[in-house]
C-alpha atoms as a PDB file:
ATOM      1  CA  MET A   1     -67.642  -1.203   4.601  1.00  0.00           C
ATOM      2  CA  SER A   2     -68.794  -3.153   1.565  1.00  0.00           C
ATOM      3  CA  GLU A   3     -68.365  -6.878   1.165  1.00  0.00           C
ATOM      4  CA  ARG A   4     -65.610  -8.245  -0.995  1.00  0.00           C
ATOM      5  CA  ASP A   5     -66.591 -10.603  -3.777  1.00  0.00           C
ATOM      6  CA  VAL A   6     -64.680 -13.496  -5.288  1.00  0.00           C
ATOM      7  CA  PHE A   7     -63.308 -12.809  -8.753  1.00  0.00           C
ATOM      8  CA  GLU A   8     -61.334 -14.842 -11.257  1.00  0.00           C
ATOM      9  CA  TYR A   9     -58.758 -13.611 -13.717  1.00  0.00           C
ATOM     10  CA  ALA A  10     -56.431 -14.794 -16.431  1.00  0.00           C
ATOM     11  CA  VAL A  11     -53.601 -13.072 -18.228  1.00  0.00           C
ATOM     12  CA  LEU A  12     -53.933 -12.836 -22.003  1.00  0.00           C
ATOM     13  CA  ARG A  13     -50.672 -13.844 -23.633  1.00  0.00           C
ATOM     14  CA  VAL A  14     -49.416 -13.261 -27.134  1.00  0.00           C
ATOM     15  CA  VAL A  15     -47.549 -16.214 -28.632  1.00  0.00           C
ATOM     16  CA  PRO A  16     -46.280 -14.891 -31.989  1.00  0.00           C
ATOM     17  CA  ARG A  17     -44.944 -18.254 -33.150  1.00  0.00           C
ATOM     18  CA  VAL A  18     -46.835 -21.051 -31.447  1.00  0.00           C
ATOM     19  CA  GLU A  19     -44.209 -23.628 -32.418  1.00  0.00           C
ATOM     20  CA  ARG A  20     -41.541 -21.724 -30.441  1.00  0.00           C
ATOM     21  CA  GLY A  21     -43.657 -21.198 -27.319  1.00  0.00           C
ATOM     22  CA  GLU A  22     -42.289 -17.700 -26.602  1.00  0.00           C
ATOM     23  CA  CYS A  23     -44.882 -15.339 -25.166  1.00  0.00           C
ATOM     24  CA  PHE A  24     -45.514 -12.064 -23.406  1.00  0.00           C
ATOM     25  CA  ASN A  25     -48.459 -10.641 -21.474  1.00  0.00           C
ATOM     26  CA  ALA A  26     -50.765  -8.348 -23.443  1.00  0.00           C
ATOM     27  CA  GLY A  27     -53.946  -8.122 -21.382  1.00  0.00           C
ATOM     28  CA  VAL A  28     -56.090  -9.370 -18.541  1.00  0.00           C
ATOM     29  CA  LEU A  29     -59.506 -10.972 -18.353  1.00  0.00           C
ATOM     30  CA  VAL A  30     -61.556 -10.594 -15.139  1.00  0.00           C
ATOM     31  CA  TYR A  31     -64.826 -12.247 -14.092  1.00  0.00           C
ATOM     32  CA  CYS A  32     -66.878 -11.614 -10.947  1.00  0.00           C
ATOM     33  CA  ARG A  33     -69.961 -13.836 -10.675  1.00  0.00           C
ATOM     34  CA  ALA A  34     -71.554 -11.850  -7.838  1.00  0.00           C
ATOM     35  CA  LYS A  35     -71.566  -8.717  -9.985  1.00  0.00           C
ATOM     36  CA  SER A  36     -72.255 -10.481 -13.328  1.00  0.00           C
ATOM     37  CA  PHE A  37     -69.097  -8.728 -14.473  1.00  0.00           C
ATOM     38  CA  VAL A  38     -66.653  -9.756 -17.162  1.00  0.00           C
ATOM     39  CA  ALA A  39     -64.098  -7.462 -18.778  1.00  0.00           C
ATOM     40  CA  ALA A  40     -60.798  -7.505 -20.588  1.00  0.00           C
ATOM     41  CA  ARG A  41     -58.188  -4.793 -20.968  1.00  0.00           C
ATOM     42  CA  ILE A  42     -55.341  -4.975 -23.420  1.00  0.00           C
ATOM     43  CA  HIS A  43     -51.951  -3.359 -23.779  1.00  0.00           C
ATOM     44  CA  LEU A  44     -50.079  -4.657 -26.820  1.00  0.00           C
ATOM     45  CA  ASP A  45     -46.357  -3.896 -26.768  1.00  0.00           C
ATOM     46  CA  GLU A  46     -45.613  -3.934 -30.487  1.00  0.00           C
ATOM     47  CA  ARG A  47     -41.846  -3.800 -29.893  1.00  0.00           C
ATOM     48  CA  LYS A  48     -41.982  -7.061 -27.920  1.00  0.00           C
ATOM     49  CA  LEU A  49     -44.167  -8.647 -30.573  1.00  0.00           C
ATOM     50  CA  LEU A  50     -41.803  -7.708 -33.385  1.00  0.00           C
ATOM     51  CA  ALA A  51     -38.740  -8.710 -31.329  1.00  0.00           C
ATOM     52  CA  LEU A  52     -40.150 -12.234 -31.022  1.00  0.00           C
ATOM     53  CA  ASP A  53     -41.347 -12.334 -34.635  1.00  0.00           C
ATOM     54  CA  PRO A  54     -40.257  -9.579 -37.021  1.00  0.00           C
ATOM     55  CA  ALA A  55     -42.886 -10.792 -39.510  1.00  0.00           C
ATOM     56  CA  ALA A  56     -45.738 -10.765 -36.975  1.00  0.00           C
ATOM     57  CA  ASP A  57     -49.136  -9.531 -38.096  1.00  0.00           C
ATOM     58  CA  VAL A  58     -49.497  -6.639 -35.633  1.00  0.00           C
ATOM     59  CA  VAL A  59     -52.910  -5.644 -37.000  1.00  0.00           C
ATOM     60  CA  GLY A  60     -54.152  -9.243 -36.730  1.00  0.00           C
ATOM     61  CA  VAL A  61     -52.895  -9.663 -33.164  1.00  0.00           C
ATOM     62  CA  ARG A  62     -54.486  -6.365 -32.128  1.00  0.00           C
ATOM     63  CA  ALA A  63     -57.764  -7.482 -33.764  1.00  0.00           C
ATOM     64  CA  ALA A  64     -57.670 -10.794 -31.863  1.00  0.00           C
ATOM     65  CA  LEU A  65     -57.156  -8.958 -28.566  1.00  0.00           C
ATOM     66  CA  ARG A  66     -59.977  -6.541 -29.363  1.00  0.00           C
ATOM     67  CA  ALA A  67     -62.224  -9.506 -30.158  1.00  0.00           C
ATOM     68  CA  VAL A  68     -61.724 -10.695 -26.569  1.00  0.00           C
ATOM     69  CA  GLU A  69     -62.888  -7.289 -25.357  1.00  0.00           C
ATOM     70  CA  GLY A  70     -65.890  -7.559 -27.685  1.00  0.00           C
ATOM     71  CA  VAL A  71     -66.916 -10.924 -26.265  1.00  0.00           C
ATOM     72  CA  CYS A  72     -66.686  -9.465 -22.756  1.00  0.00           C
ATOM     73  CA  HIS A  73     -68.970  -6.560 -23.656  1.00  0.00           C
ATOM     74  CA  GLY A  74     -71.569  -8.915 -25.149  1.00  0.00           C
ATOM     75  CA  GLY A  75     -74.130  -7.746 -27.668  1.00  0.00           C
ATOM     76  CA  ASP A  76     -73.336  -7.565 -31.367  1.00  0.00           C
ATOM     77  CA  GLY A  77     -69.570  -7.505 -30.734  1.00  0.00           C
ATOM     78  CA  ALA A  78     -69.657 -10.898 -29.023  1.00  0.00           C
ATOM     79  CA  GLY A  79     -70.526 -12.982 -32.075  1.00  0.00           C
ATOM     80  CA  GLN A  80     -71.929 -16.389 -31.124  1.00  0.00           C
ATOM     81  CA  ALA A  81     -71.515 -15.548 -27.433  1.00  0.00           C
ATOM     82  CA  ALA A  82     -73.813 -12.508 -27.719  1.00  0.00           C
ATOM     83  CA  GLY A  83     -76.652 -14.099 -25.745  1.00  0.00           C
ATOM     84  CA  ASP A  84     -74.483 -15.769 -23.119  1.00  0.00           C
ATOM     85  CA  ASP A  85     -74.211 -14.505 -19.557  1.00  0.00           C
ATOM     86  CA  ALA A  86     -70.929 -13.109 -18.206  1.00  0.00           C
ATOM     87  CA  GLY A  87     -69.836 -16.457 -16.758  1.00  0.00           C
ATOM     88  CA  ARG A  88     -70.306 -18.367 -19.999  1.00  0.00           C
ATOM     89  CA  ARG A  89     -68.415 -15.684 -21.942  1.00  0.00           C
ATOM     90  CA  PHE A  90     -65.538 -15.853 -19.432  1.00  0.00           C
ATOM     91  CA  ARG A  91     -65.399 -19.662 -19.604  1.00  0.00           C
ATOM     92  CA  TRP A  92     -65.434 -19.545 -23.409  1.00  0.00           C
ATOM     93  CA  LEU A  93     -62.551 -17.037 -23.421  1.00  0.00           C
ATOM     94  CA  ILE A  94     -60.350 -19.021 -21.012  1.00  0.00           C
ATOM     95  CA  ALA A  95     -60.711 -22.276 -22.947  1.00  0.00           C
ATOM     96  CA  PRO A  96     -57.299 -23.393 -24.247  1.00  0.00           C
ATOM     97  CA  ARG A  97     -56.627 -22.755 -27.918  1.00  0.00           C
ATOM     98  CA  SER A  98     -53.594 -23.069 -30.120  1.00  0.00           C
ATOM     99  CA  THR A  99     -53.632 -19.490 -31.388  1.00  0.00           C
ATOM    100  CA  VAL A 100     -51.513 -16.366 -31.194  1.00  0.00           C
ATOM    101  CA  VAL A 101     -53.630 -14.942 -28.322  1.00  0.00           C
ATOM    102  CA  GLN A 102     -53.913 -17.423 -25.455  1.00  0.00           C
ATOM    103  CA  PRO A 103     -55.339 -17.217 -21.943  1.00  0.00           C
ATOM    104  CA  GLY A 104     -53.088 -18.103 -19.045  1.00  0.00           C
ATOM    105  CA  VAL A 105     -53.983 -20.049 -15.923  1.00  0.00           C
ATOM    106  CA  VAL A 106     -57.059 -18.841 -14.027  1.00  0.00           C
ATOM    107  CA  HIS A 107     -56.422 -17.315 -10.596  1.00  0.00           C
ATOM    108  CA  SER A 108     -58.862 -15.992  -8.008  1.00  0.00           C
ATOM    109  CA  GLY A 109     -59.027 -13.248  -5.423  1.00  0.00           C
ATOM    110  CA  LEU A 110     -61.346 -10.944  -3.501  1.00  0.00           C
ATOM    111  CA  THR A 111     -62.392  -7.468  -4.579  1.00  0.00           C
ATOM    112  CA  ARG A 112     -64.840  -4.704  -3.765  1.00  0.00           C
ATOM    113  CA  ASP A 113     -64.580  -3.246  -7.270  1.00  0.00           C
ATOM    114  CA  PRO A 114     -64.060  -5.609 -10.241  1.00  0.00           C
ATOM    115  CA  GLU A 115     -63.621  -2.701 -12.684  1.00  0.00           C
ATOM    116  CA  ALA A 116     -60.763  -1.299 -10.605  1.00  0.00           C
ATOM    117  CA  GLU A 117     -59.317  -4.808 -10.343  1.00  0.00           C
ATOM    118  CA  VAL A 118     -59.045  -5.016 -14.130  1.00  0.00           C
ATOM    119  CA  GLU A 119     -56.982  -1.828 -14.221  1.00  0.00           C
ATOM    120  CA  ARG A 120     -54.831  -2.871 -11.244  1.00  0.00           C
ATOM    121  CA  LEU A 121     -54.051  -6.256 -12.788  1.00  0.00           C
ATOM    122  CA  LEU A 122     -53.224  -4.667 -16.137  1.00  0.00           C
ATOM    123  CA  ASP A 123     -50.735  -2.364 -14.391  1.00  0.00           C
ATOM    124  CA  VAL A 124     -49.193  -5.140 -12.283  1.00  0.00           C
ATOM    125  CA  LEU A 125     -49.097  -7.977 -14.815  1.00  0.00           C
ATOM    126  CA  VAL A 126     -48.887  -6.381 -18.234  1.00  0.00           C
ATOM    127  CA  ARG A 127     -47.600  -2.789 -18.388  1.00  0.00           C
END
């Protein structure tokens, strides 16, 4: 039986109108130091977005969520974080910001398979 590794995760929330504070979950961000793994998965419910803000920029919100995935993948899609290791990219992504896409509180757990954990958390916390 393989060892379980510590992982950290945060829910990615969409806050269509920051001044109102209303939000909904639209993705998850997972980091596992032992595996040098960081990944994000998104699931944007456009009906929820437009219910909270009928004038919301759906394309812009989707682009912001995809940018999080790009930073996780590293390389050219990560912008200034391109050369950073997985841990630095995760820490940069969970830093509080006053934007439409915001990370939630960081939680931790144990896993044998961080990739599977991303999908499980997306199903449990977002879909």
